[in-house]
């Protein structure tokens, strides 16, 4: 799960156990001055990139599902997923 605000990025690495997410790791960081000027979509995408980079050792060799509440990114990620299939 990833999220971005005007000032920071946040991500949660979780694993499903009995169909419920169990948190493994929380990560966050503040945006620098240039990143604070990004559009909302760019900030949300930056949060995903941050999460994938931060959790890389845990994710290698695994199927990854990204959850976001940002409608535009959901659409873009769905199109990307379909083009890779």
PDB file of N, CA and C in Angstrom:
ATOM      1  N   UNK A   1       0.854  -1.168   0.000  1.00  0.00           N
ATOM      2  CA  UNK A   1       0.000   0.000   0.000  1.00  0.00           C
ATOM      3  C   UNK A   1       0.898   1.229   0.000  1.00  0.00           C
ATOM      4  N   UNK A   2       0.535   2.184  -0.818  1.00  0.00           N
ATOM      5  CA  UNK A   2       1.348   3.393  -0.958  1.00  0.00           C
ATOM      6  C   UNK A   2       0.457   4.628  -0.884  1.00  0.00           C
ATOM      7  N   UNK A   3       1.043   5.710  -0.400  1.00  0.00           N
ATOM      8  CA  UNK A   3       0.307   6.962  -0.347  1.00  0.00           C
ATOM      9  C   UNK A   3       1.297   8.126  -0.388  1.00  0.00           C
ATOM     10  N   UNK A   4       0.834   9.236  -0.937  1.00  0.00           N
ATOM     11  CA  UNK A   4       1.649  10.452  -0.978  1.00  0.00           C
ATOM     12  C   UNK A   4       0.804  11.637  -0.540  1.00  0.00           C
ATOM     13  N   UNK A   5       1.433  12.553   0.175  1.00  0.00           N
ATOM     14  CA  UNK A   5       0.773  13.804   0.546  1.00  0.00           C
ATOM     15  C   UNK A   5       1.590  14.939  -0.055  1.00  0.00           C
ATOM     16  N   UNK A   6       1.288  16.152   0.325  1.00  0.00           N
ATOM     17  CA  UNK A   6       2.048  17.299  -0.173  1.00  0.00           C
ATOM     18  C   UNK A   6       3.447  17.378   0.429  1.00  0.00           C
ATOM     19  N   UNK A   7       3.692  16.610   1.508  1.00  0.00           N
ATOM     20  CA  UNK A   7       4.947  16.729   2.230  1.00  0.00           C
ATOM     21  C   UNK A   7       5.739  15.439   2.369  1.00  0.00           C
ATOM     22  N   UNK A   8       5.069  14.279   2.190  1.00  0.00           N
ATOM     23  CA  UNK A   8       5.748  13.013   2.472  1.00  0.00           C
ATOM     24  C   UNK A   8       5.178  11.860   1.651  1.00  0.00           C
ATOM     25  N   UNK A   9       5.937  10.760   1.647  1.00  0.00           N
ATOM     26  CA  UNK A   9       5.521   9.511   1.016  1.00  0.00           C
ATOM     27  C   UNK A   9       5.425   8.450   2.099  1.00  0.00           C
ATOM     28  N   UNK A  10       4.517   7.510   1.919  1.00  0.00           N
ATOM     29  CA  UNK A  10       4.403   6.413   2.860  1.00  0.00           C
ATOM     30  C   UNK A  10       4.120   5.117   2.134  1.00  0.00           C
ATOM     31  N   UNK A  11       4.582   4.017   2.728  1.00  0.00           N
ATOM     32  CA  UNK A  11       4.355   2.704   2.130  1.00  0.00           C
ATOM     33  C   UNK A  11       4.284   1.657   3.231  1.00  0.00           C
ATOM     34  N   UNK A  12       3.527   0.613   2.955  1.00  0.00           N
ATOM     35  CA  UNK A  12       3.395  -0.503   3.882  1.00  0.00           C
ATOM     36  C   UNK A  12       3.640  -1.786   3.104  1.00  0.00           C
ATOM     37  N   UNK A  13       4.516  -2.625   3.615  1.00  0.00           N
ATOM     38  CA  UNK A  13       4.719  -3.955   3.057  1.00  0.00           C
ATOM     39  C   UNK A  13       3.919  -4.911   3.922  1.00  0.00           C
ATOM     40  N   UNK A  14       3.020  -5.646   3.293  1.00  0.00           N
ATOM     41  CA  UNK A  14       2.164  -6.560   4.043  1.00  0.00           C
ATOM     42  C   UNK A  14       2.092  -7.899   3.327  1.00  0.00           C
ATOM     43  N   UNK A  15       1.715  -8.919   4.089  1.00  0.00           N
ATOM     44  CA  UNK A  15       1.544 -10.262   3.551  1.00  0.00           C
ATOM     45  C   UNK A  15       0.175 -10.751   3.986  1.00  0.00           C
ATOM     46  N   UNK A  16      -0.522 -11.422   3.085  1.00  0.00           N
ATOM     47  CA  UNK A  16      -1.844 -11.941   3.434  1.00  0.00           C
ATOM     48  C   UNK A  16      -1.708 -13.234   4.230  1.00  0.00           C
ATOM     49  N   UNK A  17      -2.395 -13.263   5.354  1.00  0.00           N
ATOM     50  CA  UNK A  17      -2.488 -14.460   6.182  1.00  0.00           C
ATOM     51  C   UNK A  17      -3.963 -14.649   6.484  1.00  0.00           C
ATOM     52  N   UNK A  18      -4.526 -15.769   6.077  1.00  0.00           N
ATOM     53  CA  UNK A  18      -5.964 -16.022   6.238  1.00  0.00           C
ATOM     54  C   UNK A  18      -6.787 -14.891   5.629  1.00  0.00           C
ATOM     55  N   UNK A  19      -6.376 -14.442   4.449  1.00  0.00           N
ATOM     56  CA  UNK A  19      -7.058 -13.399   3.673  1.00  0.00           C
ATOM     57  C   UNK A  19      -7.012 -12.011   4.309  1.00  0.00           C
ATOM     58  N   UNK A  20      -6.243 -11.848   5.370  1.00  0.00           N
ATOM     59  CA  UNK A  20      -6.095 -10.545   6.023  1.00  0.00           C
ATOM     60  C   UNK A  20      -4.656 -10.065   5.872  1.00  0.00           C
ATOM     61  N   UNK A  21      -4.466  -8.775   5.607  1.00  0.00           N
ATOM     62  CA  UNK A  21      -3.097  -8.269   5.480  1.00  0.00           C
ATOM     63  C   UNK A  21      -2.400  -8.188   6.841  1.00  0.00           C
ATOM     64  N   UNK A  22      -1.182  -8.690   6.893  1.00  0.00           N
ATOM     65  CA  UNK A  22      -0.349  -8.602   8.097  1.00  0.00           C
ATOM     66  C   UNK A  22       0.855  -7.730   7.756  1.00  0.00           C
ATOM     67  N   UNK A  23       1.020  -6.666   8.506  1.00  0.00           N
ATOM     68  CA  UNK A  23       2.089  -5.707   8.222  1.00  0.00           C
ATOM     69  C   UNK A  23       3.450  -6.316   8.553  1.00  0.00           C
ATOM     70  N   UNK A  24       4.369  -6.158   7.613  1.00  0.00           N
ATOM     71  CA  UNK A  24       5.746  -6.602   7.794  1.00  0.00           C
ATOM     72  C   UNK A  24       6.655  -5.399   8.027  1.00  0.00           C
ATOM     73  N   UNK A  25       6.365  -4.299   7.327  1.00  0.00           N
ATOM     74  CA  UNK A  25       7.291  -3.164   7.342  1.00  0.00           C
ATOM     75  C   UNK A  25       6.535  -1.886   6.987  1.00  0.00           C
ATOM     76  N   UNK A  26       6.817  -0.812   7.721  1.00  0.00           N
ATOM     77  CA  UNK A  26       6.337   0.531   7.383  1.00  0.00           C
ATOM     78  C   UNK A  26       7.531   1.351   6.915  1.00  0.00           C
ATOM     79  N   UNK A  27       7.316   2.222   5.934  1.00  0.00           N
ATOM     80  CA  UNK A  27       8.390   3.110   5.485  1.00  0.00           C
ATOM     81  C   UNK A  27       7.789   4.457   5.092  1.00  0.00           C
ATOM     82  N   UNK A  28       8.540   5.513   5.348  1.00  0.00           N
ATOM     83  CA  UNK A  28       8.090   6.847   4.938  1.00  0.00           C
ATOM     84  C   UNK A  28       9.301   7.754   4.780  1.00  0.00           C
ATOM     85  N   UNK A  29       9.080   8.822   4.060  1.00  0.00           N
ATOM     86  CA  UNK A  29      10.115   9.845   3.925  1.00  0.00           C
ATOM     87  C   UNK A  29       9.458  11.137   3.485  1.00  0.00           C
ATOM     88  N   UNK A  30      10.141  12.242   3.749  1.00  0.00           N
ATOM     89  CA  UNK A  30       9.619  13.538   3.328  1.00  0.00           C
ATOM     90  C   UNK A  30      10.043  13.829   1.891  1.00  0.00           C
ATOM     91  N   UNK A  31       9.301  14.701   1.255  1.00  0.00           N
ATOM     92  CA  UNK A  31       9.620  15.127  -0.104  1.00  0.00           C
ATOM     93  C   UNK A  31      10.615  16.277  -0.049  1.00  0.00           C
ATOM     94  N   UNK A  32      11.523  16.322  -1.013  1.00  0.00           N
ATOM     95  CA  UNK A  32      12.415  17.480  -1.082  1.00  0.00           C
ATOM     96  C   UNK A  32      11.666  18.627  -1.771  1.00  0.00           C
ATOM     97  N   UNK A  33      12.291  19.777  -1.876  1.00  0.00           N
ATOM     98  CA  UNK A  33      11.620  20.971  -2.415  1.00  0.00           C
ATOM     99  C   UNK A  33      11.128  20.765  -3.842  1.00  0.00           C
ATOM    100  N   UNK A  34      11.921  20.118  -4.677  1.00  0.00           N
ATOM    101  CA  UNK A  34      11.509  19.880  -6.068  1.00  0.00           C
ATOM    102  C   UNK A  34      10.345  18.895  -6.136  1.00  0.00           C
ATOM    103  N   UNK A  35      10.415  17.818  -5.353  1.00  0.00           N
ATOM    104  CA  UNK A  35       9.356  16.806  -5.362  1.00  0.00           C
ATOM    105  C   UNK A  35       8.040  17.363  -4.835  1.00  0.00           C
ATOM    106  N   UNK A  36       8.102  18.320  -3.943  1.00  0.00           N
ATOM    107  CA  UNK A  36       6.884  18.933  -3.408  1.00  0.00           C
ATOM    108  C   UNK A  36       6.094  19.643  -4.506  1.00  0.00           C
ATOM    109  N   UNK A  37       6.752  19.998  -5.597  1.00  0.00           N
ATOM    110  CA  UNK A  37       6.088  20.657  -6.723  1.00  0.00           C
ATOM    111  C   UNK A  37       5.515  19.682  -7.744  1.00  0.00           C
ATOM    112  N   UNK A  38       5.725  18.380  -7.557  1.00  0.00           N
ATOM    113  CA  UNK A  38       5.188  17.383  -8.481  1.00  0.00           C
ATOM    114  C   UNK A  38       3.666  17.416  -8.455  1.00  0.00           C
ATOM    115  N   UNK A  39       3.059  16.944  -9.535  1.00  0.00           N
ATOM    116  CA  UNK A  39       1.601  16.786  -9.550  1.00  0.00           C
ATOM    117  C   UNK A  39       1.229  15.651  -8.599  1.00  0.00           C
ATOM    118  N   UNK A  40      -0.044  15.573  -8.264  1.00  0.00           N
ATOM    119  CA  UNK A  40      -0.511  14.516  -7.369  1.00  0.00           C
ATOM    120  C   UNK A  40      -0.213  13.138  -7.942  1.00  0.00           C
ATOM    121  N   UNK A  41      -0.454  12.961  -9.228  1.00  0.00           N
ATOM    122  CA  UNK A  41      -0.187  11.670  -9.865  1.00  0.00           C
ATOM    123  C   UNK A  41       1.295  11.322  -9.792  1.00  0.00           C
ATOM    124  N   UNK A  42       2.157  12.292 -10.033  1.00  0.00           N
ATOM    125  CA  UNK A  42       3.600  12.049  -9.955  1.00  0.00           C
ATOM    126  C   UNK A  42       4.026  11.694  -8.530  1.00  0.00           C
ATOM    127  N   UNK A  43       3.435  12.339  -7.536  1.00  0.00           N
ATOM    128  CA  UNK A  43       3.760  12.020  -6.141  1.00  0.00           C
ATOM    129  C   UNK A  43       3.318  10.609  -5.785  1.00  0.00           C
ATOM    130  N   UNK A  44       2.127  10.230  -6.231  1.00  0.00           N
ATOM    131  CA  UNK A  44       1.635   8.879  -5.952  1.00  0.00           C
ATOM    132  C   UNK A  44       2.516   7.835  -6.635  1.00  0.00           C
ATOM    133  N   UNK A  45       2.934   8.098  -7.864  1.00  0.00           N
ATOM    134  CA  UNK A  45       3.833   7.182  -8.563  1.00  0.00           C
ATOM    135  C   UNK A  45       5.197   7.143  -7.886  1.00  0.00           C
ATOM    136  N   UNK A  46       5.672   8.280  -7.409  1.00  0.00           N
ATOM    137  CA  UNK A  46       6.926   8.328  -6.668  1.00  0.00           C
ATOM    138  C   UNK A  46       6.831   7.470  -5.405  1.00  0.00           C
ATOM    139  N   UNK A  47       5.674   7.457  -4.762  1.00  0.00           N
ATOM    140  CA  UNK A  47       5.474   6.619  -3.575  1.00  0.00           C
ATOM    141  C   UNK A  47       5.616   5.140  -3.929  1.00  0.00           C
ATOM    142  N   UNK A  48       5.098   4.747  -5.088  1.00  0.00           N
ATOM    143  CA  UNK A  48       5.223   3.350  -5.521  1.00  0.00           C
ATOM    144  C   UNK A  48       6.683   3.010  -5.803  1.00  0.00           C
ATOM    145  N   UNK A  49       7.373   3.890  -6.512  1.00  0.00           N
ATOM    146  CA  UNK A  49       8.794   3.664  -6.808  1.00  0.00           C
ATOM    147  C   UNK A  49       9.595   3.593  -5.511  1.00  0.00           C
ATOM    148  N   UNK A  50       9.302   4.485  -4.573  1.00  0.00           N
ATOM    149  CA  UNK A  50       9.966   4.478  -3.267  1.00  0.00           C
ATOM    150  C   UNK A  50       9.743   3.144  -2.564  1.00  0.00           C
ATOM    151  N   UNK A  51       8.500   2.669  -2.559  1.00  0.00           N
ATOM    152  CA  UNK A  51       8.178   1.407  -1.884  1.00  0.00           C
ATOM    153  C   UNK A  51       8.898   0.231  -2.535  1.00  0.00           C
ATOM    154  N   UNK A  52       8.867   0.161  -3.857  1.00  0.00           N
ATOM    155  CA  UNK A  52       9.528  -0.944  -4.552  1.00  0.00           C
ATOM    156  C   UNK A  52      11.033  -0.937  -4.300  1.00  0.00           C
ATOM    157  N   UNK A  53      11.622   0.248  -4.254  1.00  0.00           N
ATOM    158  CA  UNK A  53      13.052   0.352  -3.970  1.00  0.00           C
ATOM    159  C   UNK A  53      13.356  -0.026  -2.520  1.00  0.00           C
ATOM    160  N   UNK A  54      12.559   0.467  -1.598  1.00  0.00           N
ATOM    161  CA  UNK A  54      12.782   0.219  -0.170  1.00  0.00           C
ATOM    162  C   UNK A  54      12.607  -1.258   0.191  1.00  0.00           C
ATOM    163  N   UNK A  55      11.603  -1.892  -0.412  1.00  0.00           N
ATOM    164  CA  UNK A  55      11.266  -3.274  -0.067  1.00  0.00           C
ATOM    165  C   UNK A  55      11.864  -4.299  -1.034  1.00  0.00           C
ATOM    166  N   UNK A  56      12.734  -3.857  -1.919  1.00  0.00           N
ATOM    167  CA  UNK A  56      13.286  -4.716  -2.974  1.00  0.00           C
ATOM    168  C   UNK A  56      13.792  -6.071  -2.468  1.00  0.00           C
ATOM    169  N   UNK A  57      14.570  -6.129  -1.389  1.00  0.00           N
ATOM    170  CA  UNK A  57      15.055  -7.440  -0.935  1.00  0.00           C
ATOM    171  C   UNK A  57      13.923  -8.410  -0.563  1.00  0.00           C
ATOM    172  N   UNK A  58      12.808  -7.879  -0.104  1.00  0.00           N
ATOM    173  CA  UNK A  58      11.673  -8.719   0.275  1.00  0.00           C
ATOM    174  C   UNK A  58      10.850  -9.149  -0.937  1.00  0.00           C
ATOM    175  N   UNK A  59      10.915  -8.381  -2.016  1.00  0.00           N
ATOM    176  CA  UNK A  59      10.035  -8.585  -3.164  1.00  0.00           C
ATOM    177  C   UNK A  59      10.636  -9.429  -4.280  1.00  0.00           C
ATOM    178  N   UNK A  60      11.950  -9.503  -4.363  1.00  0.00           N
ATOM    179  CA  UNK A  60      12.590 -10.238  -5.450  1.00  0.00           C
ATOM    180  C   UNK A  60      12.089 -11.680  -5.493  1.00  0.00           C
ATOM    181  N   UNK A  61      11.651 -12.094  -6.667  1.00  0.00           N
ATOM    182  CA  UNK A  61      11.166 -13.458  -6.850  1.00  0.00           C
ATOM    183  C   UNK A  61       9.739 -13.688  -6.409  1.00  0.00           C
ATOM    184  N   UNK A  62       9.037 -12.624  -6.033  1.00  0.00           N
ATOM    185  CA  UNK A  62       7.661 -12.750  -5.550  1.00  0.00           C
ATOM    186  C   UNK A  62       6.696 -12.007  -6.460  1.00  0.00           C
ATOM    187  N   UNK A  63       5.458 -12.435  -6.428  1.00  0.00           N
ATOM    188  CA  UNK A  63       4.397 -11.698  -7.116  1.00  0.00           C
ATOM    189  C   UNK A  63       4.061 -10.487  -6.250  1.00  0.00           C
ATOM    190  N   UNK A  64       3.960  -9.333  -6.869  1.00  0.00           N
ATOM    191  CA  UNK A  64       3.723  -8.094  -6.126  1.00  0.00           C
ATOM    192  C   UNK A  64       2.393  -7.491  -6.541  1.00  0.00           C
ATOM    193  N   UNK A  65       1.592  -7.104  -5.558  1.00  0.00           N
ATOM    194  CA  UNK A  65       0.336  -6.392  -5.794  1.00  0.00           C
ATOM    195  C   UNK A  65       0.476  -5.023  -5.144  1.00  0.00           C
ATOM    196  N   UNK A  66       0.246  -3.977  -5.926  1.00  0.00           N
ATOM    197  CA  UNK A  66       0.338  -2.609  -5.418  1.00  0.00           C
ATOM    198  C   UNK A  66      -1.069  -2.079  -5.195  1.00  0.00           C
ATOM    199  N   UNK A  67      -1.342  -1.589  -3.997  1.00  0.00           N
ATOM    200  CA  UNK A  67      -2.623  -0.970  -3.676  1.00  0.00           C
ATOM    201  C   UNK A  67      -2.430   0.537  -3.582  1.00  0.00           C
ATOM    202  N   UNK A  68      -3.286   1.271  -4.277  1.00  0.00           N
ATOM    203  CA  UNK A  68      -3.273   2.729  -4.205  1.00  0.00           C
ATOM    204  C   UNK A  68      -4.711   3.234  -4.262  1.00  0.00           C
ATOM    205  N   UNK A  69      -4.951   4.392  -3.682  1.00  0.00           N
ATOM    206  CA  UNK A  69      -6.286   4.993  -3.722  1.00  0.00           C
ATOM    207  C   UNK A  69      -6.388   6.041  -4.829  1.00  0.00           C
ATOM    208  N   UNK A  70      -5.357   6.169  -5.631  1.00  0.00           N
ATOM    209  CA  UNK A  70      -5.316   7.188  -6.676  1.00  0.00           C
ATOM    210  C   UNK A  70      -5.907   6.627  -7.965  1.00  0.00           C
ATOM    211  N   UNK A  71      -7.045   7.153  -8.399  1.00  0.00           N
ATOM    212  CA  UNK A  71      -7.800   6.621  -9.534  1.00  0.00           C
ATOM    213  C   UNK A  71      -7.000   6.614 -10.830  1.00  0.00           C
ATOM    214  N   UNK A  72      -6.297   7.682 -11.118  1.00  0.00           N
ATOM    215  CA  UNK A  72      -5.518   7.749 -12.353  1.00  0.00           C
ATOM    216  C   UNK A  72      -4.437   6.675 -12.378  1.00  0.00           C
ATOM    217  N   UNK A  73      -3.751   6.482 -11.256  1.00  0.00           N
ATOM    218  CA  UNK A  73      -2.718   5.448 -11.211  1.00  0.00           C
ATOM    219  C   UNK A  73      -3.318   4.057 -11.329  1.00  0.00           C
ATOM    220  N   UNK A  74      -4.482   3.841 -10.724  1.00  0.00           N
ATOM    221  CA  UNK A  74      -5.141   2.538 -10.865  1.00  0.00           C
ATOM    222  C   UNK A  74      -5.375   2.230 -12.337  1.00  0.00           C
ATOM    223  N   UNK A  75      -5.856   3.215 -13.062  1.00  0.00           N
ATOM    224  CA  UNK A  75      -6.117   3.048 -14.491  1.00  0.00           C
ATOM    225  C   UNK A  75      -4.820   2.747 -15.241  1.00  0.00           C
ATOM    226  N   UNK A  76      -3.775   3.534 -14.986  1.00  0.00           N
ATOM    227  CA  UNK A  76      -2.502   3.345 -15.682  1.00  0.00           C
ATOM    228  C   UNK A  76      -1.870   1.994 -15.355  1.00  0.00           C
ATOM    229  N   UNK A  77      -1.908   1.596 -14.084  1.00  0.00           N
ATOM    230  CA  UNK A  77      -1.333   0.312 -13.692  1.00  0.00           C
ATOM    231  C   UNK A  77      -2.113  -0.854 -14.291  1.00  0.00           C
ATOM    232  N   UNK A  78      -3.434  -0.704 -14.390  1.00  0.00           N
ATOM    233  CA  UNK A  78      -4.253  -1.759 -14.989  1.00  0.00           C
ATOM    234  C   UNK A  78      -3.903  -1.915 -16.467  1.00  0.00           C
ATOM    235  N   UNK A  79      -3.766  -0.807 -17.174  1.00  0.00           N
ATOM    236  CA  UNK A  79      -3.395  -0.860 -18.600  1.00  0.00           C
ATOM    237  C   UNK A  79      -2.017  -1.481 -18.777  1.00  0.00           C
ATOM    238  N   UNK A  80      -1.076  -1.125 -17.911  1.00  0.00           N
ATOM    239  CA  UNK A  80       0.264  -1.698 -17.987  1.00  0.00           C
ATOM    240  C   UNK A  80       0.213  -3.204 -17.761  1.00  0.00           C
ATOM    241  N   UNK A  81      -0.538  -3.621 -16.746  1.00  0.00           N
ATOM    242  CA  UNK A  81      -0.665  -5.044 -16.438  1.00  0.00           C
ATOM    243  C   UNK A  81      -1.255  -5.817 -17.609  1.00  0.00           C
ATOM    244  N   UNK A  82      -2.265  -5.251 -18.256  1.00  0.00           N
ATOM    245  CA  UNK A  82      -2.897  -5.911 -19.397  1.00  0.00           C
ATOM    246  C   UNK A  82      -1.936  -6.011 -20.576  1.00  0.00           C
ATOM    247  N   UNK A  83      -1.114  -5.002 -20.770  1.00  0.00           N
ATOM    248  CA  UNK A  83      -0.181  -5.029 -21.900  1.00  0.00           C
ATOM    249  C   UNK A  83       0.948  -6.033 -21.672  1.00  0.00           C
ATOM    250  N   UNK A  84       1.244  -6.354 -20.408  1.00  0.00           N
ATOM    251  CA  UNK A  84       2.297  -7.321 -20.100  1.00  0.00           C
ATOM    252  C   UNK A  84       1.810  -8.757 -20.203  1.00  0.00           C
ATOM    253  N   UNK A  85       0.496  -8.959 -20.150  1.00  0.00           N
ATOM    254  CA  UNK A  85      -0.059 -10.328 -20.213  1.00  0.00           C
ATOM    255  C   UNK A  85      -0.051 -10.908 -21.584  1.00  0.00           C
TER     256      UNK A  85
END
